[in-house]
């Protein structure tokens, strides 16, 4: 009887040992990846390296071009609203994005006499159903916490978190599921 009990307990102990060892290995790898953050000097060196690459040179040329300066100035105009996630009044100018864009679902809008791409994210099932009811020249109120730009686009890209029309919320970005 004792031999049977020992025969059952021994594999259990071995399996538990493997499970705990695997947990420790996962914790060690996550600590290693977390410690891979670059110092300021390393980040500066990487940035210099990128600026010397063909993509970096092309970006610098775009940044100093009239089109690039216009896009950067437009982004700077709404930066204070973005940083405080304040309400911005927008007028829908087009229900489609520029040709060749790969931003997912979005519209073109005018804010403070400048034009912007309002990006809502990749299209999912019914997430943007109410946004599809927007009409050209319609007024909406938006909130965002991020504006970006790219040489490919002639307008700054505003990632919209909240849309309201006539006092009614028609879109609110769902919080991320991974907690970050």
C-alpha atoms as a PDB file:
ATOM      1  CA  UNK A   1       0.000   0.000   0.000  1.00  0.00           C
ATOM      2  CA  UNK A   2       2.852   2.372   0.875  1.00  0.00           C
ATOM      3  CA  UNK A   3       4.516   1.692  -2.454  1.00  0.00           C
ATOM      4  CA  UNK A   4       1.347   2.695  -4.298  1.00  0.00           C
ATOM      5  CA  UNK A   5       1.080   5.948  -2.328  1.00  0.00           C
ATOM      6  CA  UNK A   6       4.763   6.714  -2.983  1.00  0.00           C
ATOM      7  CA  UNK A   7       4.266   5.874  -6.638  1.00  0.00           C
ATOM      8  CA  UNK A   8       1.404   8.402  -6.846  1.00  0.00           C
ATOM      9  CA  UNK A   9       3.099  11.158  -4.837  1.00  0.00           C
ATOM     10  CA  UNK A  10       6.427  11.021  -6.705  1.00  0.00           C
ATOM     11  CA  UNK A  11       4.984  12.046 -10.121  1.00  0.00           C
ATOM     12  CA  UNK A  12       2.953  14.755  -8.381  1.00  0.00           C
ATOM     13  CA  UNK A  13       6.103  16.214  -6.811  1.00  0.00           C
ATOM     14  CA  UNK A  14       7.957  16.080 -10.133  1.00  0.00           C
ATOM     15  CA  UNK A  15       5.115  17.850 -11.982  1.00  0.00           C
ATOM     16  CA  UNK A  16       4.889  20.546  -9.287  1.00  0.00           C
ATOM     17  CA  UNK A  17       8.638  21.080  -9.562  1.00  0.00           C
ATOM     18  CA  UNK A  18       8.362  21.633 -13.316  1.00  0.00           C
ATOM     19  CA  UNK A  19       5.469  24.067 -12.868  1.00  0.00           C
ATOM     20  CA  UNK A  20       7.326  26.177 -10.294  1.00  0.00           C
ATOM     21  CA  UNK A  21      10.521  26.112 -12.344  1.00  0.00           C
ATOM     22  CA  UNK A  22       8.581  27.290 -15.404  1.00  0.00           C
ATOM     23  CA  UNK A  23       7.093  30.208 -13.406  1.00  0.00           C
ATOM     24  CA  UNK A  24      10.562  31.284 -12.290  1.00  0.00           C
ATOM     25  CA  UNK A  25      11.851  31.153 -15.867  1.00  0.00           C
ATOM     26  CA  UNK A  26       8.955  33.352 -17.048  1.00  0.00           C
ATOM     27  CA  UNK A  27       9.618  35.863 -14.254  1.00  0.00           C
ATOM     28  CA  UNK A  28      13.314  35.997 -15.135  1.00  0.00           C
ATOM     29  CA  UNK A  29      12.600  36.651 -18.828  1.00  0.00           C
ATOM     30  CA  UNK A  30      10.149  39.437 -17.986  1.00  0.00           C
ATOM     31  CA  UNK A  31      12.756  41.048 -15.720  1.00  0.00           C
ATOM     32  CA  UNK A  32      15.319  40.833 -18.514  1.00  0.00           C
ATOM     33  CA  UNK A  33      13.010  42.540 -21.027  1.00  0.00           C
ATOM     34  CA  UNK A  34      12.115  45.248 -18.524  1.00  0.00           C
ATOM     35  CA  UNK A  35      15.786  46.013 -17.928  1.00  0.00           C
ATOM     36  CA  UNK A  36      16.328  46.571 -21.677  1.00  0.00           C
ATOM     37  CA  UNK A  37      15.214  50.229 -21.467  1.00  0.00           C
ATOM     38  CA  UNK A  38      17.673  52.530 -23.157  1.00  0.00           C
ATOM     39  CA  UNK A  39      19.508  55.233 -21.307  1.00  0.00           C
ATOM     40  CA  UNK A  40      19.271  58.797 -22.570  1.00  0.00           C
ATOM     41  CA  UNK A  41      22.645  58.535 -24.273  1.00  0.00           C
ATOM     42  CA  UNK A  42      21.727  55.239 -25.953  1.00  0.00           C
ATOM     43  CA  UNK A  43      18.396  56.648 -27.110  1.00  0.00           C
ATOM     44  CA  UNK A  44      20.151  59.704 -28.529  1.00  0.00           C
ATOM     45  CA  UNK A  45      22.642  57.476 -30.361  1.00  0.00           C
ATOM     46  CA  UNK A  46      19.814  55.339 -31.797  1.00  0.00           C
ATOM     47  CA  UNK A  47      17.984  58.468 -32.929  1.00  0.00           C
ATOM     48  CA  UNK A  48      21.132  59.781 -34.676  1.00  0.00           C
ATOM     49  CA  UNK A  49      21.549  56.399 -36.341  1.00  0.00           C
ATOM     50  CA  UNK A  50      17.922  56.485 -37.571  1.00  0.00           C
ATOM     51  CA  UNK A  51      18.269  60.086 -38.812  1.00  0.00           C
ATOM     52  CA  UNK A  52      21.238  58.975 -40.942  1.00  0.00           C
ATOM     53  CA  UNK A  53      19.168  56.149 -42.500  1.00  0.00           C
ATOM     54  CA  UNK A  54      17.259  56.724 -45.777  1.00  0.00           C
ATOM     55  CA  UNK A  55      13.923  56.841 -43.909  1.00  0.00           C
ATOM     56  CA  UNK A  56      15.292  59.387 -41.442  1.00  0.00           C
ATOM     57  CA  UNK A  57      16.672  61.583 -44.220  1.00  0.00           C
ATOM     58  CA  UNK A  58      13.347  61.460 -46.056  1.00  0.00           C
ATOM     59  CA  UNK A  59      11.483  62.387 -42.859  1.00  0.00           C
ATOM     60  CA  UNK A  60      13.802  65.343 -42.197  1.00  0.00           C
ATOM     61  CA  UNK A  61      13.242  66.598 -45.763  1.00  0.00           C
ATOM     62  CA  UNK A  62       9.464  66.322 -45.271  1.00  0.00           C
ATOM     63  CA  UNK A  63       9.688  68.098 -41.919  1.00  0.00           C
ATOM     64  CA  UNK A  64      11.399  71.138 -43.479  1.00  0.00           C
ATOM     65  CA  UNK A  65       9.206  71.183 -46.610  1.00  0.00           C
ATOM     66  CA  UNK A  66       6.213  73.577 -46.816  1.00  0.00           C
ATOM     67  CA  UNK A  67       3.787  70.629 -46.594  1.00  0.00           C
ATOM     68  CA  UNK A  68       5.517  69.281 -43.496  1.00  0.00           C
ATOM     69  CA  UNK A  69       5.623  72.680 -41.814  1.00  0.00           C
ATOM     70  CA  UNK A  70       1.891  73.120 -42.491  1.00  0.00           C
ATOM     71  CA  UNK A  71       1.060  69.729 -40.952  1.00  0.00           C
ATOM     72  CA  UNK A  72       3.260  70.381 -37.893  1.00  0.00           C
ATOM     73  CA  UNK A  73       1.715  73.839 -37.402  1.00  0.00           C
ATOM     74  CA  UNK A  74      -1.813  72.387 -37.597  1.00  0.00           C
ATOM     75  CA  UNK A  75      -0.909  69.736 -35.022  1.00  0.00           C
ATOM     76  CA  UNK A  76       0.569  72.395 -32.739  1.00  0.00           C
ATOM     77  CA  UNK A  77      -2.676  74.434 -32.897  1.00  0.00           C
ATOM     78  CA  UNK A  78      -4.670  71.724 -31.133  1.00  0.00           C
ATOM     79  CA  UNK A  79      -1.914  70.370 -28.888  1.00  0.00           C
ATOM     80  CA  UNK A  80      -3.252  72.187 -25.802  1.00  0.00           C
ATOM     81  CA  UNK A  81      -6.726  70.704 -26.361  1.00  0.00           C
ATOM     82  CA  UNK A  82      -5.154  67.279 -26.810  1.00  0.00           C
ATOM     83  CA  UNK A  83      -3.011  67.484 -23.679  1.00  0.00           C
ATOM     84  CA  UNK A  84      -6.040  68.345 -21.521  1.00  0.00           C
ATOM     85  CA  UNK A  85      -8.430  66.074 -23.445  1.00  0.00           C
ATOM     86  CA  UNK A  86     -10.677  69.119 -23.868  1.00  0.00           C
ATOM     87  CA  UNK A  87     -13.718  69.327 -26.106  1.00  0.00           C
ATOM     88  CA  UNK A  88     -13.105  70.502 -29.676  1.00  0.00           C
ATOM     89  CA  UNK A  89     -15.781  71.559 -32.137  1.00  0.00           C
ATOM     90  CA  UNK A  90     -15.335  69.915 -35.534  1.00  0.00           C
ATOM     91  CA  UNK A  91     -17.177  70.140 -38.846  1.00  0.00           C
ATOM     92  CA  UNK A  92     -17.193  67.000 -40.985  1.00  0.00           C
ATOM     93  CA  UNK A  93     -15.753  67.838 -44.409  1.00  0.00           C
ATOM     94  CA  UNK A  94     -15.549  64.353 -45.926  1.00  0.00           C
ATOM     95  CA  UNK A  95     -16.856  60.951 -44.931  1.00  0.00           C
ATOM     96  CA  UNK A  96     -13.883  59.158 -46.481  1.00  0.00           C
ATOM     97  CA  UNK A  97     -10.164  59.282 -45.843  1.00  0.00           C
ATOM     98  CA  UNK A  98      -7.577  60.290 -48.463  1.00  0.00           C
ATOM     99  CA  UNK A  99      -6.881  57.626 -51.113  1.00  0.00           C
ATOM    100  CA  UNK A 100      -4.368  54.988 -50.045  1.00  0.00           C
ATOM    101  CA  UNK A 101      -4.732  55.599 -46.325  1.00  0.00           C
ATOM    102  CA  UNK A 102      -4.515  52.637 -43.991  1.00  0.00           C
ATOM    103  CA  UNK A 103      -5.873  54.139 -40.789  1.00  0.00           C
ATOM    104  CA  UNK A 104      -9.033  52.071 -40.490  1.00  0.00           C
ATOM    105  CA  UNK A 105     -12.325  53.898 -40.045  1.00  0.00           C
ATOM    106  CA  UNK A 106     -12.112  57.680 -40.104  1.00  0.00           C
ATOM    107  CA  UNK A 107     -13.430  60.950 -41.520  1.00  0.00           C
ATOM    108  CA  UNK A 108     -11.989  64.314 -42.503  1.00  0.00           C
ATOM    109  CA  UNK A 109     -12.927  67.295 -40.342  1.00  0.00           C
ATOM    110  CA  UNK A 110     -12.199  70.972 -39.930  1.00  0.00           C
ATOM    111  CA  UNK A 111     -11.174  72.270 -36.516  1.00  0.00           C
ATOM    112  CA  UNK A 112     -10.286  75.957 -36.037  1.00  0.00           C
ATOM    113  CA  UNK A 113      -9.918  76.590 -39.805  1.00  0.00           C
ATOM    114  CA  UNK A 114      -7.527  73.647 -40.327  1.00  0.00           C
ATOM    115  CA  UNK A 115      -8.242  70.178 -41.667  1.00  0.00           C
ATOM    116  CA  UNK A 116      -7.543  66.940 -39.801  1.00  0.00           C
ATOM    117  CA  UNK A 117      -7.962  63.214 -40.251  1.00  0.00           C
ATOM    118  CA  UNK A 118     -10.147  61.882 -37.435  1.00  0.00           C
ATOM    119  CA  UNK A 119      -9.115  58.274 -36.930  1.00  0.00           C
ATOM    120  CA  UNK A 120     -11.264  55.932 -34.863  1.00  0.00           C
ATOM    121  CA  UNK A 121      -9.310  52.697 -35.291  1.00  0.00           C
ATOM    122  CA  UNK A 122      -9.552  49.458 -37.178  1.00  0.00           C
ATOM    123  CA  UNK A 123     -13.040  48.551 -38.271  1.00  0.00           C
ATOM    124  CA  UNK A 124     -14.833  46.037 -36.098  1.00  0.00           C
ATOM    125  CA  UNK A 125     -18.338  44.607 -36.165  1.00  0.00           C
ATOM    126  CA  UNK A 126     -20.776  47.291 -34.959  1.00  0.00           C
ATOM    127  CA  UNK A 127     -18.419  49.582 -33.059  1.00  0.00           C
ATOM    128  CA  UNK A 128     -18.764  52.454 -35.541  1.00  0.00           C
ATOM    129  CA  UNK A 129     -22.420  52.001 -36.458  1.00  0.00           C
ATOM    130  CA  UNK A 130     -23.551  55.349 -35.040  1.00  0.00           C
ATOM    131  CA  UNK A 131     -20.579  57.144 -36.628  1.00  0.00           C
ATOM    132  CA  UNK A 132     -21.740  55.975 -40.047  1.00  0.00           C
ATOM    133  CA  UNK A 133     -24.785  58.225 -39.635  1.00  0.00           C
ATOM    134  CA  UNK A 134     -22.589  61.353 -39.743  1.00  0.00           C
ATOM    135  CA  UNK A 135     -23.245  63.713 -42.631  1.00  0.00           C
ATOM    136  CA  UNK A 136     -20.914  66.101 -44.443  1.00  0.00           C
ATOM    137  CA  UNK A 137     -20.984  69.618 -42.920  1.00  0.00           C
ATOM    138  CA  UNK A 138     -22.340  68.149 -39.678  1.00  0.00           C
ATOM    139  CA  UNK A 139     -21.042  69.578 -36.404  1.00  0.00           C
ATOM    140  CA  UNK A 140     -19.623  67.268 -33.744  1.00  0.00           C
ATOM    141  CA  UNK A 141     -17.743  67.655 -30.489  1.00  0.00           C
ATOM    142  CA  UNK A 142     -14.680  65.461 -30.086  1.00  0.00           C
ATOM    143  CA  UNK A 143     -12.109  64.624 -27.439  1.00  0.00           C
ATOM    144  CA  UNK A 144      -8.733  63.100 -28.047  1.00  0.00           C
ATOM    145  CA  UNK A 145      -5.475  62.518 -26.243  1.00  0.00           C
ATOM    146  CA  UNK A 146      -3.197  61.890 -29.223  1.00  0.00           C
ATOM    147  CA  UNK A 147      -2.300  63.625 -32.467  1.00  0.00           C
ATOM    148  CA  UNK A 148       0.239  62.285 -34.944  1.00  0.00           C
ATOM    149  CA  UNK A 149       1.515  62.970 -38.423  1.00  0.00           C
ATOM    150  CA  UNK A 150       3.305  61.162 -41.189  1.00  0.00           C
ATOM    151  CA  UNK A 151       4.891  62.233 -44.474  1.00  0.00           C
ATOM    152  CA  UNK A 152       2.356  60.071 -46.301  1.00  0.00           C
ATOM    153  CA  UNK A 153      -0.567  62.287 -45.219  1.00  0.00           C
ATOM    154  CA  UNK A 154      -1.171  65.987 -45.885  1.00  0.00           C
ATOM    155  CA  UNK A 155      -3.093  66.392 -42.623  1.00  0.00           C
ATOM    156  CA  UNK A 156      -2.440  65.650 -38.926  1.00  0.00           C
ATOM    157  CA  UNK A 157      -4.077  62.465 -37.636  1.00  0.00           C
ATOM    158  CA  UNK A 158      -6.235  62.839 -34.526  1.00  0.00           C
ATOM    159  CA  UNK A 159      -7.041  59.603 -32.669  1.00  0.00           C
ATOM    160  CA  UNK A 160     -10.559  60.255 -31.415  1.00  0.00           C
ATOM    161  CA  UNK A 161     -11.678  58.919 -28.037  1.00  0.00           C
ATOM    162  CA  UNK A 162     -15.116  60.539 -27.767  1.00  0.00           C
ATOM    163  CA  UNK A 163     -17.694  61.976 -30.203  1.00  0.00           C
ATOM    164  CA  UNK A 164     -20.845  63.872 -29.321  1.00  0.00           C
ATOM    165  CA  UNK A 165     -23.458  65.263 -31.702  1.00  0.00           C
ATOM    166  CA  UNK A 166     -26.377  67.437 -30.595  1.00  0.00           C
ATOM    167  CA  UNK A 167     -25.678  66.620 -26.934  1.00  0.00           C
ATOM    168  CA  UNK A 168     -25.803  62.865 -27.562  1.00  0.00           C
ATOM    169  CA  UNK A 169     -22.763  60.601 -27.258  1.00  0.00           C
ATOM    170  CA  UNK A 170     -22.373  58.661 -30.496  1.00  0.00           C
ATOM    171  CA  UNK A 171     -18.918  57.161 -29.897  1.00  0.00           C
ATOM    172  CA  UNK A 172     -16.733  56.456 -26.901  1.00  0.00           C
ATOM    173  CA  UNK A 173     -13.543  54.443 -27.266  1.00  0.00           C
ATOM    174  CA  UNK A 174     -13.617  51.272 -25.184  1.00  0.00           C
ATOM    175  CA  UNK A 175     -10.798  50.989 -22.630  1.00  0.00           C
ATOM    176  CA  UNK A 176      -7.958  48.675 -23.562  1.00  0.00           C
ATOM    177  CA  UNK A 177      -8.338  45.156 -22.266  1.00  0.00           C
ATOM    178  CA  UNK A 178      -4.679  44.591 -21.419  1.00  0.00           C
ATOM    179  CA  UNK A 179      -4.754  47.311 -18.773  1.00  0.00           C
ATOM    180  CA  UNK A 180      -2.283  49.695 -20.375  1.00  0.00           C
END
